[in-house]
Amino acid sequence: MQSSVNSTRRPSKKPPVSSESETTGTAASLIPAKPTLTSLRRAASHCKACDLWKRANQTVFGEGMPKATIMLVGEQPGDQEDRIGRPFVGPAGKLLDQALIEAGIDRADVYVTNVVKHFKWSRAERGKRRIHKKPRYSEIHACRPWLDSELDVVKPEVLVCLGASAAQALLGRGFRVTRQRGKPVESSFAPVVIATVHPSSILRAPDEKSRHSEMKAFVDDLKQVARLAKDRRQN
């Protein structure tokens, strides 16, 4: 296994929330003393640790099995996710669902989330369409306590980083998905950590042939995830 760029374990103790109505300060100040996914989701709905909440409709927290073997982490919610309030329900989410089925993974058995919980966007030059904007490092850093807490609660056996933003947030800014995709990485976040592409990158492929090729490679990565998860469950 390769060593990750940053494998320092997160502190296990979280500062208590001073009140349910608290909406300012750092995200860490909102983390419940004994967090559950339900209490974390409720607390995150009040988060104003960075300015992204000002233009987003709502916080989009992770969802799935509380003790899922597999945890998938993407970059941030998109337009549909921001409107509906659930992760991976837009076009990239539908492609992810298809890939999971082809890989033999039931989405109901996994936990899905993003490193950033608010949709960052800009208005299209024409029309009302909201265009995805890549979050800054400061915004990822501000949101990090939520992801750390999700990892602490779920404790996945296999952690999958979808795309460069998720991989670099967890494995270090020098990590390159193009060079290291599909290769298990040593990390304290989970017994097995793997990075692959974000499904949205497949949607951006220039033609049908490219999309088919990239989808096949993505499914192959997820099939490896399924095998690794099976091995972990049997150990």
C-alpha atoms as a PDB file:
ATOM      1  CA  MET A   1       0.000   0.000   0.000  1.00  0.00           C
ATOM      2  CA  GLN A   2       1.050   3.561  -0.651  1.00  0.00           C
ATOM      3  CA  SER A   3       1.301   5.975   2.266  1.00  0.00           C
ATOM      4  CA  SER A   4      -1.041   8.905   2.187  1.00  0.00           C
ATOM      5  CA  VAL A   5       0.219  12.440   2.197  1.00  0.00           C
ATOM      6  CA  ASN A   6      -1.690  13.220   5.375  1.00  0.00           C
ATOM      7  CA  SER A   7      -2.739  10.410   7.686  1.00  0.00           C
ATOM      8  CA  THR A   8      -2.990  12.304  10.976  1.00  0.00           C
ATOM      9  CA  ARG A   9      -6.021  11.066  12.893  1.00  0.00           C
ATOM     10  CA  ARG A  10      -8.670  13.545  13.870  1.00  0.00           C
ATOM     11  CA  PRO A  11      -9.351  14.288  17.533  1.00  0.00           C
ATOM     12  CA  SER A  12     -12.099  11.997  18.807  1.00  0.00           C
ATOM     13  CA  LYS A  13     -13.595  14.481  21.278  1.00  0.00           C
ATOM     14  CA  LYS A  14     -15.803  17.278  20.006  1.00  0.00           C
ATOM     15  CA  PRO A  15     -16.716  20.508  21.777  1.00  0.00           C
ATOM     16  CA  PRO A  16     -20.385  20.585  22.810  1.00  0.00           C
ATOM     17  CA  VAL A  17     -22.990  22.762  21.156  1.00  0.00           C
ATOM     18  CA  SER A  18     -23.810  25.712  23.381  1.00  0.00           C
ATOM     19  CA  SER A  19     -27.398  25.942  22.114  1.00  0.00           C
ATOM     20  CA  GLU A  20     -29.633  24.635  19.324  1.00  0.00           C
ATOM     21  CA  SER A  21     -30.035  28.118  17.907  1.00  0.00           C
ATOM     22  CA  GLU A  22     -26.342  28.884  17.586  1.00  0.00           C
ATOM     23  CA  THR A  23     -25.526  29.720  13.962  1.00  0.00           C
ATOM     24  CA  THR A  24     -22.168  31.491  14.003  1.00  0.00           C
ATOM     25  CA  GLY A  25     -18.568  30.550  14.721  1.00  0.00           C
ATOM     26  CA  THR A  26     -16.706  27.497  13.543  1.00  0.00           C
ATOM     27  CA  ALA A  27     -18.362  24.273  12.467  1.00  0.00           C
ATOM     28  CA  ALA A  28     -16.538  22.488  15.292  1.00  0.00           C
ATOM     29  CA  SER A  29     -18.427  24.617  17.830  1.00  0.00           C
ATOM     30  CA  LEU A  30     -21.693  23.110  16.571  1.00  0.00           C
ATOM     31  CA  ILE A  31     -20.680  19.449  16.800  1.00  0.00           C
ATOM     32  CA  PRO A  32     -22.713  17.674  19.525  1.00  0.00           C
ATOM     33  CA  ALA A  33     -20.774  16.156  22.407  1.00  0.00           C
ATOM     34  CA  LYS A  34     -22.035  12.645  21.573  1.00  0.00           C
ATOM     35  CA  PRO A  35     -22.844  12.922  17.883  1.00  0.00           C
ATOM     36  CA  THR A  36     -25.158  10.715  15.885  1.00  0.00           C
ATOM     37  CA  LEU A  37     -25.905  11.191  12.201  1.00  0.00           C
ATOM     38  CA  THR A  38     -29.301  12.620  13.147  1.00  0.00           C
ATOM     39  CA  SER A  39     -27.885  15.149  15.614  1.00  0.00           C
ATOM     40  CA  LEU A  40     -25.069  16.082  13.223  1.00  0.00           C
ATOM     41  CA  ARG A  41     -27.522  16.670  10.391  1.00  0.00           C
ATOM     42  CA  ARG A  42     -29.635  18.889  12.637  1.00  0.00           C
ATOM     43  CA  ALA A  43     -26.607  20.860  13.844  1.00  0.00           C
ATOM     44  CA  ALA A  44     -25.172  21.272  10.334  1.00  0.00           C
ATOM     45  CA  SER A  45     -28.396  22.912   9.185  1.00  0.00           C
ATOM     46  CA  HIS A  46     -27.375  25.939  11.309  1.00  0.00           C
ATOM     47  CA  CYS A  47     -23.778  26.158  10.068  1.00  0.00           C
ATOM     48  CA  LYS A  48     -22.449  29.506   8.863  1.00  0.00           C
ATOM     49  CA  ALA A  49     -18.743  28.714   9.184  1.00  0.00           C
ATOM     50  CA  CYS A  50     -18.116  30.036   5.646  1.00  0.00           C
ATOM     51  CA  ASP A  51     -20.122  32.266   3.314  1.00  0.00           C
ATOM     52  CA  LEU A  52     -21.498  29.505   1.067  1.00  0.00           C
ATOM     53  CA  TRP A  53     -24.711  29.258   3.099  1.00  0.00           C
ATOM     54  CA  LYS A  54     -25.704  32.751   1.949  1.00  0.00           C
ATOM     55  CA  ARG A  55     -26.419  31.650  -1.635  1.00  0.00           C
ATOM     56  CA  ALA A  56     -27.428  28.048  -1.009  1.00  0.00           C
ATOM     57  CA  ASN A  57     -30.996  26.930  -0.363  1.00  0.00           C
ATOM     58  CA  GLN A  58     -29.995  24.593   2.440  1.00  0.00           C
ATOM     59  CA  THR A  59     -27.309  22.419   3.981  1.00  0.00           C
ATOM     60  CA  VAL A  60     -26.995  19.086   2.180  1.00  0.00           C
ATOM     61  CA  PHE A  61     -25.744  16.566   4.704  1.00  0.00           C
ATOM     62  CA  GLY A  62     -24.716  12.973   4.052  1.00  0.00           C
ATOM     63  CA  GLU A  63     -27.136  10.071   4.155  1.00  0.00           C
ATOM     64  CA  GLY A  64     -27.137   6.299   4.283  1.00  0.00           C
ATOM     65  CA  MET A  65     -26.469   3.415   6.625  1.00  0.00           C
ATOM     66  CA  PRO A  66     -25.202   4.609  10.048  1.00  0.00           C
ATOM     67  CA  LYS A  67     -22.546   1.864  10.122  1.00  0.00           C
ATOM     68  CA  ALA A  68     -22.043   1.403   6.391  1.00  0.00           C
ATOM     69  CA  THR A  69     -19.111  -0.703   5.237  1.00  0.00           C
ATOM     70  CA  ILE A  70     -18.589   1.658   2.288  1.00  0.00           C
ATOM     71  CA  MET A  71     -18.540   5.449   2.485  1.00  0.00           C
ATOM     72  CA  LEU A  72     -18.459   7.578  -0.685  1.00  0.00           C
ATOM     73  CA  VAL A  73     -17.250  11.188  -0.445  1.00  0.00           C
ATOM     74  CA  GLY A  74     -17.670  13.725  -3.241  1.00  0.00           C
ATOM     75  CA  GLU A  75     -16.871  17.414  -3.547  1.00  0.00           C
ATOM     76  CA  GLN A  76     -20.094  19.338  -2.894  1.00  0.00           C
ATOM     77  CA  PRO A  77     -23.841  19.195  -3.615  1.00  0.00           C
ATOM     78  CA  GLY A  78     -25.013  20.353  -7.021  1.00  0.00           C
ATOM     79  CA  ASP A  79     -28.057  22.308  -8.191  1.00  0.00           C
ATOM     80  CA  GLN A  80     -30.586  19.481  -7.717  1.00  0.00           C
ATOM     81  CA  GLU A  81     -29.075  18.439  -4.407  1.00  0.00           C
ATOM     82  CA  ASP A  82     -29.352  22.015  -3.133  1.00  0.00           C
ATOM     83  CA  ARG A  83     -33.014  22.170  -4.135  1.00  0.00           C
ATOM     84  CA  ILE A  84     -33.974  18.736  -2.782  1.00  0.00           C
ATOM     85  CA  GLY A  85     -31.659  18.607   0.239  1.00  0.00           C
ATOM     86  CA  ARG A  86     -30.135  15.174  -0.425  1.00  0.00           C
ATOM     87  CA  PRO A  87     -26.672  14.222  -1.774  1.00  0.00           C
ATOM     88  CA  PHE A  88     -26.161  12.703  -5.234  1.00  0.00           C
ATOM     89  CA  VAL A  89     -29.713  13.002  -6.572  1.00  0.00           C
ATOM     90  CA  GLY A  90     -28.891  15.018  -9.717  1.00  0.00           C
ATOM     91  CA  PRO A  91     -27.426  13.803 -13.042  1.00  0.00           C
ATOM     92  CA  ALA A  92     -24.119  12.750 -11.437  1.00  0.00           C
ATOM     93  CA  GLY A  93     -26.052  10.942  -8.716  1.00  0.00           C
ATOM     94  CA  LYS A  94     -28.112   9.017 -11.261  1.00  0.00           C
ATOM     95  CA  LEU A  95     -24.917   7.979 -13.036  1.00  0.00           C
ATOM     96  CA  LEU A  96     -23.451   6.929  -9.683  1.00  0.00           C
ATOM     97  CA  ASP A  97     -26.556   4.828  -8.983  1.00  0.00           C
ATOM     98  CA  GLN A  98     -26.130   3.085 -12.340  1.00  0.00           C
ATOM     99  CA  ALA A  99     -22.436   2.444 -11.711  1.00  0.00           C
ATOM    100  CA  LEU A 100     -23.127   1.051  -8.232  1.00  0.00           C
ATOM    101  CA  ILE A 101     -25.695  -1.358  -9.671  1.00  0.00           C
ATOM    102  CA  GLU A 102     -23.251  -2.537 -12.332  1.00  0.00           C
ATOM    103  CA  ALA A 103     -20.587  -2.993  -9.645  1.00  0.00           C
ATOM    104  CA  GLY A 104     -22.925  -5.052  -7.472  1.00  0.00           C
ATOM    105  CA  ILE A 105     -23.202  -2.442  -4.698  1.00  0.00           C
ATOM    106  CA  ASP A 106     -26.579  -1.539  -3.211  1.00  0.00           C
ATOM    107  CA  ARG A 107     -26.683   2.211  -2.594  1.00  0.00           C
ATOM    108  CA  ALA A 108     -28.956   1.540   0.377  1.00  0.00           C
ATOM    109  CA  ASP A 109     -26.002  -0.203   2.026  1.00  0.00           C
ATOM    110  CA  VAL A 110     -23.533   2.680   1.672  1.00  0.00           C
ATOM    111  CA  TYR A 111     -23.139   6.164   3.138  1.00  0.00           C
ATOM    112  CA  VAL A 112     -22.760   9.070   0.707  1.00  0.00           C
ATOM    113  CA  THR A 113     -21.642  12.603   1.528  1.00  0.00           C
ATOM    114  CA  ASN A 114     -19.522  15.550   0.363  1.00  0.00           C
ATOM    115  CA  VAL A 115     -16.572  17.446   1.795  1.00  0.00           C
ATOM    116  CA  VAL A 116     -18.571  20.691   1.443  1.00  0.00           C
ATOM    117  CA  LYS A 117     -22.218  20.785   2.516  1.00  0.00           C
ATOM    118  CA  HIS A 118     -23.429  23.870   0.616  1.00  0.00           C
ATOM    119  CA  PHE A 119     -23.723  24.377  -3.140  1.00  0.00           C
ATOM    120  CA  LYS A 120     -21.249  26.915  -4.532  1.00  0.00           C
ATOM    121  CA  TRP A 121     -22.428  28.382  -7.810  1.00  0.00           C
ATOM    122  CA  SER A 122     -22.484  31.323 -10.201  1.00  0.00           C
ATOM    123  CA  ARG A 123     -25.254  32.464 -12.522  1.00  0.00           C
ATOM    124  CA  ALA A 124     -24.955  31.468 -16.184  1.00  0.00           C
ATOM    125  CA  GLU A 125     -24.361  34.351 -18.576  1.00  0.00           C
ATOM    126  CA  ARG A 126     -27.694  33.581 -20.221  1.00  0.00           C
ATOM    127  CA  GLY A 127     -30.747  32.216 -18.481  1.00  0.00           C
ATOM    128  CA  LYS A 128     -31.260  31.257 -14.878  1.00  0.00           C
ATOM    129  CA  ARG A 129     -29.074  28.174 -14.750  1.00  0.00           C
ATOM    130  CA  ARG A 130     -26.741  27.925 -11.731  1.00  0.00           C
ATOM    131  CA  ILE A 131     -23.214  26.852 -12.659  1.00  0.00           C
ATOM    132  CA  HIS A 132     -21.080  24.786 -10.274  1.00  0.00           C
ATOM    133  CA  LYS A 133     -17.991  26.542  -8.923  1.00  0.00           C
ATOM    134  CA  LYS A 134     -15.106  24.697  -7.318  1.00  0.00           C
ATOM    135  CA  PRO A 135     -14.903  25.399  -3.576  1.00  0.00           C
ATOM    136  CA  ARG A 136     -11.824  27.128  -2.230  1.00  0.00           C
ATOM    137  CA  TYR A 137      -9.493  25.421   0.220  1.00  0.00           C
ATOM    138  CA  SER A 138     -10.708  27.771   2.968  1.00  0.00           C
ATOM    139  CA  GLU A 139     -14.309  26.655   2.371  1.00  0.00           C
ATOM    140  CA  ILE A 140     -13.325  22.980   2.422  1.00  0.00           C
ATOM    141  CA  HIS A 141     -11.362  23.595   5.619  1.00  0.00           C
ATOM    142  CA  ALA A 142     -14.297  25.409   7.256  1.00  0.00           C
ATOM    143  CA  CYS A 143     -16.613  22.485   6.492  1.00  0.00           C
ATOM    144  CA  ARG A 144     -14.140  19.774   7.475  1.00  0.00           C
ATOM    145  CA  PRO A 145     -15.451  19.142  11.038  1.00  0.00           C
ATOM    146  CA  TRP A 146     -18.708  17.794   9.584  1.00  0.00           C
ATOM    147  CA  LEU A 147     -16.927  15.242   7.410  1.00  0.00           C
ATOM    148  CA  ASP A 148     -14.623  14.276  10.271  1.00  0.00           C
ATOM    149  CA  SER A 149     -17.646  13.690  12.482  1.00  0.00           C
ATOM    150  CA  GLU A 150     -19.387  11.601   9.816  1.00  0.00           C
ATOM    151  CA  LEU A 151     -16.278   9.444   9.551  1.00  0.00           C
ATOM    152  CA  ASP A 152     -16.136   9.072  13.326  1.00  0.00           C
ATOM    153  CA  VAL A 153     -19.781   7.966  13.524  1.00  0.00           C
ATOM    154  CA  VAL A 154     -19.967   5.721  10.435  1.00  0.00           C
ATOM    155  CA  LYS A 155     -16.480   4.205  10.772  1.00  0.00           C
ATOM    156  CA  PRO A 156     -16.441   2.779   7.230  1.00  0.00           C
ATOM    157  CA  GLU A 157     -14.295  -0.179   6.311  1.00  0.00           C
ATOM    158  CA  VAL A 158     -13.776   1.187   2.787  1.00  0.00           C
ATOM    159  CA  LEU A 159     -13.642   4.935   2.121  1.00  0.00           C
ATOM    160  CA  VAL A 160     -13.974   6.055  -1.508  1.00  0.00           C
ATOM    161  CA  CYS A 161     -12.941   9.575  -2.544  1.00  0.00           C
ATOM    162  CA  LEU A 162     -14.858  10.663  -5.643  1.00  0.00           C
ATOM    163  CA  GLY A 163     -12.761  13.187  -7.533  1.00  0.00           C
ATOM    164  CA  ALA A 164      -9.760  15.388  -6.823  1.00  0.00           C
ATOM    165  CA  SER A 165     -11.368  17.729  -4.286  1.00  0.00           C
ATOM    166  CA  ALA A 166     -12.435  14.889  -1.992  1.00  0.00           C
ATOM    167  CA  ALA A 167      -9.148  13.026  -2.413  1.00  0.00           C
ATOM    168  CA  GLN A 168      -7.003  16.080  -1.731  1.00  0.00           C
ATOM    169  CA  ALA A 169      -9.151  17.126   1.236  1.00  0.00           C
ATOM    170  CA  LEU A 170      -8.570  13.754   2.909  1.00  0.00           C
ATOM    171  CA  LEU A 171      -5.257  12.546   1.511  1.00  0.00           C
ATOM    172  CA  GLY A 172      -3.338  15.769   1.059  1.00  0.00           C
ATOM    173  CA  ARG A 173      -3.173  18.500  -1.553  1.00  0.00           C
ATOM    174  CA  GLY A 174      -0.410  16.685  -3.423  1.00  0.00           C
ATOM    175  CA  PHE A 175      -2.605  13.644  -4.129  1.00  0.00           C
ATOM    176  CA  ARG A 176      -3.366  13.082  -7.823  1.00  0.00           C
ATOM    177  CA  VAL A 177      -6.328  10.930  -8.818  1.00  0.00           C
ATOM    178  CA  THR A 178      -4.937  10.662 -12.337  1.00  0.00           C
ATOM    179  CA  ARG A 179      -1.867   8.847 -11.005  1.00  0.00           C
ATOM    180  CA  GLN A 180      -3.296   6.998  -8.014  1.00  0.00           C
ATOM    181  CA  ARG A 181      -6.909   6.129  -8.846  1.00  0.00           C
ATOM    182  CA  GLY A 182      -7.990   2.662  -7.852  1.00  0.00           C
ATOM    183  CA  LYS A 183      -4.923   2.069  -5.672  1.00  0.00           C
ATOM    184  CA  PRO A 184      -5.515   1.393  -1.956  1.00  0.00           C
ATOM    185  CA  VAL A 185      -3.915   4.138   0.121  1.00  0.00           C
ATOM    186  CA  GLU A 186      -2.776   3.753   3.723  1.00  0.00           C
ATOM    187  CA  SER A 187      -4.723   6.131   5.926  1.00  0.00           C
ATOM    188  CA  SER A 188      -6.136   6.390   9.427  1.00  0.00           C
ATOM    189  CA  PHE A 189      -9.555   7.394   8.095  1.00  0.00           C
ATOM    190  CA  ALA A 190     -10.512   3.799   7.244  1.00  0.00           C
ATOM    191  CA  PRO A 191      -8.835   0.394   6.870  1.00  0.00           C
ATOM    192  CA  VAL A 192      -9.037   0.835   3.088  1.00  0.00           C
ATOM    193  CA  VAL A 193      -9.061   4.184   1.235  1.00  0.00           C
ATOM    194  CA  ILE A 194      -9.363   4.457  -2.541  1.00  0.00           C
ATOM    195  CA  ALA A 195      -9.771   7.416  -4.884  1.00  0.00           C
ATOM    196  CA  THR A 196     -11.500   7.415  -8.241  1.00  0.00           C
ATOM    197  CA  VAL A 197     -13.103  10.000 -10.515  1.00  0.00           C
ATOM    198  CA  HIS A 198     -16.229  11.945  -9.663  1.00  0.00           C
ATOM    199  CA  PRO A 199     -19.199  10.756 -11.759  1.00  0.00           C
ATOM    200  CA  SER A 200     -19.739  14.309 -13.013  1.00  0.00           C
ATOM    201  CA  SER A 201     -16.463  13.997 -14.957  1.00  0.00           C
ATOM    202  CA  ILE A 202     -18.008  11.181 -16.990  1.00  0.00           C
ATOM    203  CA  LEU A 203     -20.946  13.413 -17.894  1.00  0.00           C
ATOM    204  CA  ARG A 204     -18.466  15.985 -19.215  1.00  0.00           C
ATOM    205  CA  ALA A 205     -16.820  13.521 -21.599  1.00  0.00           C
ATOM    206  CA  PRO A 206     -16.757  14.952 -25.156  1.00  0.00           C
ATOM    207  CA  ASP A 207     -18.553  12.107 -26.930  1.00  0.00           C
ATOM    208  CA  GLU A 208     -20.459   8.862 -26.412  1.00  0.00           C
ATOM    209  CA  LYS A 209     -17.404   6.662 -26.991  1.00  0.00           C
ATOM    210  CA  SER A 210     -15.443   8.522 -24.313  1.00  0.00           C
ATOM    211  CA  ARG A 211     -18.357   8.398 -21.887  1.00  0.00           C
ATOM    212  CA  HIS A 212     -18.689   4.644 -22.381  1.00  0.00           C
ATOM    213  CA  SER A 213     -14.958   4.104 -21.812  1.00  0.00           C
ATOM    214  CA  GLU A 214     -14.852   6.303 -18.714  1.00  0.00           C
ATOM    215  CA  MET A 215     -17.990   4.712 -17.306  1.00  0.00           C
ATOM    216  CA  LYS A 216     -16.458   1.258 -17.704  1.00  0.00           C
ATOM    217  CA  ALA A 217     -13.311   2.359 -15.855  1.00  0.00           C
ATOM    218  CA  PHE A 218     -15.430   3.889 -13.084  1.00  0.00           C
ATOM    219  CA  VAL A 219     -17.463   0.704 -12.704  1.00  0.00           C
ATOM    220  CA  ASP A 220     -14.244  -1.321 -12.604  1.00  0.00           C
ATOM    221  CA  ASP A 221     -13.033   0.869  -9.710  1.00  0.00           C
ATOM    222  CA  LEU A 222     -16.314   0.307  -7.868  1.00  0.00           C
ATOM    223  CA  LYS A 223     -16.116  -3.454  -8.483  1.00  0.00           C
ATOM    224  CA  GLN A 224     -12.769  -3.379  -6.718  1.00  0.00           C
ATOM    225  CA  VAL A 225     -14.423  -1.458  -3.879  1.00  0.00           C
ATOM    226  CA  ALA A 226     -17.112  -4.162  -3.682  1.00  0.00           C
ATOM    227  CA  ARG A 227     -14.456  -6.904  -3.466  1.00  0.00           C
ATOM    228  CA  LEU A 228     -12.517  -5.051  -0.781  1.00  0.00           C
ATOM    229  CA  ALA A 229     -15.698  -4.424   1.222  1.00  0.00           C
ATOM    230  CA  LYS A 230     -16.588  -8.118   1.010  1.00  0.00           C
ATOM    231  CA  ASP A 231     -13.121  -9.053   2.242  1.00  0.00           C
ATOM    232  CA  ARG A 232     -13.419  -6.635   5.163  1.00  0.00           C
ATOM    233  CA  ARG A 233     -16.838  -8.029   6.164  1.00  0.00           C
ATOM    234  CA  GLN A 234     -15.442 -11.567   6.147  1.00  0.00           C
ATOM    235  CA  ASN A 235     -12.419 -10.670   8.308  1.00  0.00           C
END
